[in-house]
Amino acid sequence: GKVYSLAGTVQRDSEVTVSAESEIKITNHIQYEDYTPAVGTPGVAGYVPPNASDTKNLLGILSWSGDVLISTSAPSNINIHGIVLARNGVFQVDNYSGSKVRGTATLLGGAITQFYGAFGTFNGSGQMSSGYGRNFVYDDRALTGSSPPYFPTLDTYTSFSNDIMDKIIWQEG
């Protein structure tokens, strides 16, 4: 079914996957107990993003056939730690165009979606008009093969080429 309210803390050394057949709504911060917080403000010189390197907290948020939404009741400047997978949907802000400016949505993890979801709108001058700005910080542990428990993965890959003309050729000068 659906998950109507997802929020909380993933305890130190815990690996968890939350799975639903359809929609999942994030209603408040979802944070690892063990992580290094950000320093500064995203987009401002000197900003150091959060990270979870060398920790064992890991969260998967998985919707098989629906969307993963940040709820209209979620706080401003929301933090979401985990890998979000909307297999046949989007990861986006619920009612992103009908809300006030809500600050920044920081994702420490990753987003895998069928379609690209909206988080906010901007006016003609490039200033935010509604919703959240994105601050997606990808979890470098995924580069070494870490994934949440029972998270869908691929174990085989296929690549093909028609001829040498398909190859990218570097030429200098």
C-alpha atoms as a PDB file:
ATOM      1  CA  GLY A   1       0.000   0.000   0.000  1.00  0.00           C
ATOM      2  CA  LYS A   2       1.057   3.534   0.868  1.00  0.00           C
ATOM      3  CA  VAL A   3       3.255   5.071   3.529  1.00  0.00           C
ATOM      4  CA  TYR A   4       1.429   8.196   4.706  1.00  0.00           C
ATOM      5  CA  SER A   5       4.092   9.601   7.053  1.00  0.00           C
ATOM      6  CA  LEU A   6       7.816   8.846   7.000  1.00  0.00           C
ATOM      7  CA  ALA A   7      10.259  10.661   9.306  1.00  0.00           C
ATOM      8  CA  GLY A   8      12.789   9.953  12.029  1.00  0.00           C
ATOM      9  CA  THR A   9      16.331   8.882  12.836  1.00  0.00           C
ATOM     10  CA  VAL A  10      18.176   5.860  11.462  1.00  0.00           C
ATOM     11  CA  GLN A  11      20.098   4.590  14.469  1.00  0.00           C
ATOM     12  CA  ARG A  12      23.869   4.147  14.427  1.00  0.00           C
ATOM     13  CA  ASP A  13      25.013   0.939  12.670  1.00  0.00           C
ATOM     14  CA  SER A  14      21.511   0.297  11.275  1.00  0.00           C
ATOM     15  CA  GLU A  15      20.688  -0.559   7.678  1.00  0.00           C
ATOM     16  CA  VAL A  16      16.991  -0.298   6.777  1.00  0.00           C
ATOM     17  CA  THR A  17      14.817  -0.281   3.661  1.00  0.00           C
ATOM     18  CA  VAL A  18      11.291   1.159   3.761  1.00  0.00           C
ATOM     19  CA  SER A  19       9.269  -0.201   0.865  1.00  0.00           C
ATOM     20  CA  ALA A  20       5.754   0.474  -0.411  1.00  0.00           C
ATOM     21  CA  GLU A  21       3.767  -0.630  -3.428  1.00  0.00           C
ATOM     22  CA  SER A  22       2.695   2.958  -4.144  1.00  0.00           C
ATOM     23  CA  GLU A  23       3.176   6.469  -2.738  1.00  0.00           C
ATOM     24  CA  ILE A  24       5.496   7.364   0.154  1.00  0.00           C
ATOM     25  CA  LYS A  25       5.159  10.767   1.876  1.00  0.00           C
ATOM     26  CA  ILE A  26       8.066  12.242   3.808  1.00  0.00           C
ATOM     27  CA  THR A  27       6.608  14.458   6.528  1.00  0.00           C
ATOM     28  CA  ASN A  28       9.690  15.515   8.517  1.00  0.00           C
ATOM     29  CA  HIS A  29      13.475  15.158   8.646  1.00  0.00           C
ATOM     30  CA  ILE A  30      14.963  11.693   8.070  1.00  0.00           C
ATOM     31  CA  GLN A  31      18.509  11.673   9.366  1.00  0.00           C
ATOM     32  CA  TYR A  32      21.278   9.247  10.190  1.00  0.00           C
ATOM     33  CA  GLU A  33      22.247   9.222  13.843  1.00  0.00           C
ATOM     34  CA  ASP A  34      25.890   8.893  12.791  1.00  0.00           C
ATOM     35  CA  TYR A  35      26.999  11.382  10.089  1.00  0.00           C
ATOM     36  CA  THR A  36      29.061  14.540   9.669  1.00  0.00           C
ATOM     37  CA  PRO A  37      26.767  17.596   9.454  1.00  0.00           C
ATOM     38  CA  ALA A  38      27.172  20.302   6.804  1.00  0.00           C
ATOM     39  CA  VAL A  39      29.142  23.430   7.559  1.00  0.00           C
ATOM     40  CA  GLY A  40      27.820  26.688   6.121  1.00  0.00           C
ATOM     41  CA  THR A  41      25.032  27.386   3.645  1.00  0.00           C
ATOM     42  CA  PRO A  42      24.579  25.614   0.288  1.00  0.00           C
ATOM     43  CA  GLY A  43      25.598  27.884  -2.584  1.00  0.00           C
ATOM     44  CA  VAL A  44      27.771  30.120  -0.399  1.00  0.00           C
ATOM     45  CA  ALA A  45      31.573  30.011  -0.560  1.00  0.00           C
ATOM     46  CA  GLY A  46      33.089  27.742   2.077  1.00  0.00           C
ATOM     47  CA  TYR A  47      30.105  25.367   2.225  1.00  0.00           C
ATOM     48  CA  VAL A  48      31.080  21.825   3.216  1.00  0.00           C
ATOM     49  CA  PRO A  49      28.282  19.302   2.498  1.00  0.00           C
ATOM     50  CA  PRO A  50      27.184  16.636   4.975  1.00  0.00           C
ATOM     51  CA  ASN A  51      28.620  13.150   4.578  1.00  0.00           C
ATOM     52  CA  ALA A  52      28.225   9.656   5.941  1.00  0.00           C
ATOM     53  CA  SER A  53      31.630   8.283   4.947  1.00  0.00           C
ATOM     54  CA  ASP A  54      32.967   5.602   7.291  1.00  0.00           C
ATOM     55  CA  THR A  55      29.566   5.094   8.961  1.00  0.00           C
ATOM     56  CA  LYS A  56      27.210   2.124   8.857  1.00  0.00           C
ATOM     57  CA  ASN A  57      23.879   3.957   8.823  1.00  0.00           C
ATOM     58  CA  LEU A  58      22.107   3.276   5.545  1.00  0.00           C
ATOM     59  CA  LEU A  59      18.496   3.865   4.501  1.00  0.00           C
ATOM     60  CA  GLY A  60      16.603   2.898   1.382  1.00  0.00           C
ATOM     61  CA  ILE A  61      13.236   4.474   0.536  1.00  0.00           C
ATOM     62  CA  LEU A  62      11.582   2.421  -2.202  1.00  0.00           C
ATOM     63  CA  SER A  63       8.285   2.919  -4.028  1.00  0.00           C
ATOM     64  CA  TRP A  64       7.597   0.189  -6.589  1.00  0.00           C
ATOM     65  CA  SER A  65       4.837   1.892  -8.559  1.00  0.00           C
ATOM     66  CA  GLY A  66       4.265   5.353  -7.074  1.00  0.00           C
ATOM     67  CA  ASP A  67       5.970   8.581  -6.127  1.00  0.00           C
ATOM     68  CA  VAL A  68       8.142   9.540  -3.164  1.00  0.00           C
ATOM     69  CA  LEU A  69       6.852  12.952  -2.090  1.00  0.00           C
ATOM     70  CA  ILE A  70       8.004  15.569   0.384  1.00  0.00           C
ATOM     71  CA  SER A  71       4.723  16.431   2.074  1.00  0.00           C
ATOM     72  CA  THR A  72       3.161  19.872   2.328  1.00  0.00           C
ATOM     73  CA  SER A  73       3.459  19.468   6.121  1.00  0.00           C
ATOM     74  CA  ALA A  74       7.251  18.939   6.006  1.00  0.00           C
ATOM     75  CA  PRO A  75       9.412  21.639   7.616  1.00  0.00           C
ATOM     76  CA  SER A  76      11.466  24.265   5.829  1.00  0.00           C
ATOM     77  CA  ASN A  77      15.095  23.325   5.117  1.00  0.00           C
ATOM     78  CA  ILE A  78      14.373  19.605   5.298  1.00  0.00           C
ATOM     79  CA  ASN A  79      17.133  16.982   5.559  1.00  0.00           C
ATOM     80  CA  ILE A  80      16.666  13.540   4.030  1.00  0.00           C
ATOM     81  CA  HIS A  81      19.395  10.927   4.434  1.00  0.00           C
ATOM     82  CA  GLY A  82      19.028   7.821   2.286  1.00  0.00           C
ATOM     83  CA  ILE A  83      18.774   6.448  -1.219  1.00  0.00           C
ATOM     84  CA  VAL A  84      15.369   7.155  -2.771  1.00  0.00           C
ATOM     85  CA  LEU A  85      14.047   4.874  -5.510  1.00  0.00           C
ATOM     86  CA  ALA A  86      10.747   5.641  -7.266  1.00  0.00           C
ATOM     87  CA  ARG A  87      10.824   2.804  -9.794  1.00  0.00           C
ATOM     88  CA  ASN A  88       7.832   4.007 -11.822  1.00  0.00           C
ATOM     89  CA  GLY A  89       7.400   7.492 -10.423  1.00  0.00           C
ATOM     90  CA  VAL A  90       9.094  10.669  -9.255  1.00  0.00           C
ATOM     91  CA  PHE A  91      10.835  12.024  -6.179  1.00  0.00           C
ATOM     92  CA  GLN A  92       9.387  15.514  -5.761  1.00  0.00           C
ATOM     93  CA  VAL A  93       7.712  18.048  -3.507  1.00  0.00           C
ATOM     94  CA  ASP A  94       3.962  17.644  -3.087  1.00  0.00           C
ATOM     95  CA  ASN A  95       2.212  20.818  -4.330  1.00  0.00           C
ATOM     96  CA  TYR A  96       5.594  22.429  -5.142  1.00  0.00           C
ATOM     97  CA  SER A  97       4.020  25.270  -7.165  1.00  0.00           C
ATOM     98  CA  GLY A  98       1.251  26.122  -4.707  1.00  0.00           C
ATOM     99  CA  SER A  99       3.400  26.640  -1.648  1.00  0.00           C
ATOM    100  CA  LYS A 100       5.612  29.379  -0.275  1.00  0.00           C
ATOM    101  CA  VAL A 101       9.410  29.300  -0.539  1.00  0.00           C
ATOM    102  CA  ARG A 102      10.471  26.611   1.944  1.00  0.00           C
ATOM    103  CA  GLY A 103      14.261  26.849   1.892  1.00  0.00           C
ATOM    104  CA  THR A 104      16.471  23.943   0.862  1.00  0.00           C
ATOM    105  CA  ALA A 105      15.841  20.207   0.632  1.00  0.00           C
ATOM    106  CA  THR A 106      19.136  18.457   1.361  1.00  0.00           C
ATOM    107  CA  LEU A 107      19.378  14.839   0.250  1.00  0.00           C
ATOM    108  CA  LEU A 108      22.389  12.930   1.570  1.00  0.00           C
ATOM    109  CA  GLY A 109      22.237   9.731  -0.461  1.00  0.00           C
ATOM    110  CA  GLY A 110      20.897   9.376  -3.962  1.00  0.00           C
ATOM    111  CA  ALA A 111      17.786   9.545  -6.119  1.00  0.00           C
ATOM    112  CA  ILE A 112      16.774   6.944  -8.695  1.00  0.00           C
ATOM    113  CA  THR A 113      13.532   7.721 -10.493  1.00  0.00           C
ATOM    114  CA  GLN A 114      11.615   6.931 -13.651  1.00  0.00           C
ATOM    115  CA  PHE A 115      10.933  10.641 -14.227  1.00  0.00           C
ATOM    116  CA  TYR A 116      12.526  13.859 -12.933  1.00  0.00           C
ATOM    117  CA  GLY A 117      10.333  15.435 -10.248  1.00  0.00           C
ATOM    118  CA  ALA A 118       9.885  19.130  -9.452  1.00  0.00           C
ATOM    119  CA  PHE A 119      10.935  20.693  -6.157  1.00  0.00           C
ATOM    120  CA  GLY A 120       9.989  24.325  -6.729  1.00  0.00           C
ATOM    121  CA  THR A 121       9.426  27.164  -9.174  1.00  0.00           C
ATOM    122  CA  PHE A 122      11.417  30.250 -10.118  1.00  0.00           C
ATOM    123  CA  ASN A 123      10.414  33.689 -11.393  1.00  0.00           C
ATOM    124  CA  GLY A 124      11.773  35.352 -14.545  1.00  0.00           C
ATOM    125  CA  SER A 125      14.750  36.733 -12.581  1.00  0.00           C
ATOM    126  CA  GLY A 126      15.782  33.275 -11.415  1.00  0.00           C
ATOM    127  CA  GLN A 127      14.644  33.752  -7.808  1.00  0.00           C
ATOM    128  CA  MET A 128      12.681  30.999  -6.090  1.00  0.00           C
ATOM    129  CA  SER A 129       8.926  31.528  -6.069  1.00  0.00           C
ATOM    130  CA  SER A 130       7.773  28.355  -4.337  1.00  0.00           C
ATOM    131  CA  GLY A 131       8.900  25.011  -2.936  1.00  0.00           C
ATOM    132  CA  TYR A 132      12.460  23.985  -2.075  1.00  0.00           C
ATOM    133  CA  GLY A 133      15.827  24.495  -3.674  1.00  0.00           C
ATOM    134  CA  ARG A 134      17.729  21.220  -4.201  1.00  0.00           C
ATOM    135  CA  ASN A 135      20.939  20.324  -2.414  1.00  0.00           C
ATOM    136  CA  PHE A 136      21.605  16.746  -3.504  1.00  0.00           C
ATOM    137  CA  VAL A 137      24.763  15.364  -1.900  1.00  0.00           C
ATOM    138  CA  TYR A 138      25.488  11.889  -3.204  1.00  0.00           C
ATOM    139  CA  ASP A 139      26.687   9.304  -0.701  1.00  0.00           C
ATOM    140  CA  ASP A 140      30.148   8.181  -1.785  1.00  0.00           C
ATOM    141  CA  ARG A 141      29.639   4.802  -0.109  1.00  0.00           C
ATOM    142  CA  ALA A 142      27.462   3.845  -3.095  1.00  0.00           C
ATOM    143  CA  LEU A 143      30.594   4.076  -5.283  1.00  0.00           C
ATOM    144  CA  THR A 144      32.070   1.143  -3.377  1.00  0.00           C
ATOM    145  CA  GLY A 145      28.948  -1.003  -3.682  1.00  0.00           C
ATOM    146  CA  SER A 146      27.107  -0.175  -0.453  1.00  0.00           C
ATOM    147  CA  SER A 147      23.350  -0.327  -0.801  1.00  0.00           C
ATOM    148  CA  PRO A 148      20.419  -0.625   1.603  1.00  0.00           C
ATOM    149  CA  PRO A 149      19.293  -4.164   2.485  1.00  0.00           C
ATOM    150  CA  TYR A 150      17.051  -5.886  -0.085  1.00  0.00           C
ATOM    151  CA  PHE A 151      17.440  -2.883  -2.409  1.00  0.00           C
ATOM    152  CA  PRO A 152      17.061  -3.774  -6.105  1.00  0.00           C
ATOM    153  CA  THR A 153      20.408  -4.061  -7.864  1.00  0.00           C
ATOM    154  CA  LEU A 154      21.743  -5.235 -11.206  1.00  0.00           C
ATOM    155  CA  ASP A 155      24.286  -8.017 -11.426  1.00  0.00           C
ATOM    156  CA  THR A 156      24.674  -8.104 -15.210  1.00  0.00           C
ATOM    157  CA  TYR A 157      25.114  -5.346 -17.752  1.00  0.00           C
ATOM    158  CA  THR A 158      24.934  -5.296 -21.528  1.00  0.00           C
ATOM    159  CA  SER A 159      26.804  -2.952 -23.796  1.00  0.00           C
ATOM    160  CA  PHE A 160      27.004  -3.063 -27.553  1.00  0.00           C
ATOM    161  CA  SER A 161      28.516  -1.173 -30.429  1.00  0.00           C
ATOM    162  CA  ASN A 162      27.804  -1.218 -34.149  1.00  0.00           C
ATOM    163  CA  ASP A 163      31.267  -0.290 -35.367  1.00  0.00           C
ATOM    164  CA  ILE A 164      34.244   1.959 -34.714  1.00  0.00           C
ATOM    165  CA  MET A 165      32.171   5.059 -35.571  1.00  0.00           C
ATOM    166  CA  ASP A 166      30.274   4.589 -32.275  1.00  0.00           C
ATOM    167  CA  LYS A 167      33.472   5.186 -30.310  1.00  0.00           C
ATOM    168  CA  ILE A 168      34.348   8.579 -28.874  1.00  0.00           C
ATOM    169  CA  ILE A 169      37.720   9.646 -30.225  1.00  0.00           C
ATOM    170  CA  TRP A 170      39.937  12.196 -28.501  1.00  0.00           C
ATOM    171  CA  GLN A 171      41.930  14.443 -30.747  1.00  0.00           C
ATOM    172  CA  GLU A 172      44.104  17.273 -29.551  1.00  0.00           C
ATOM    173  CA  GLY A 173      45.359  20.187 -31.619  1.00  0.00           C
END
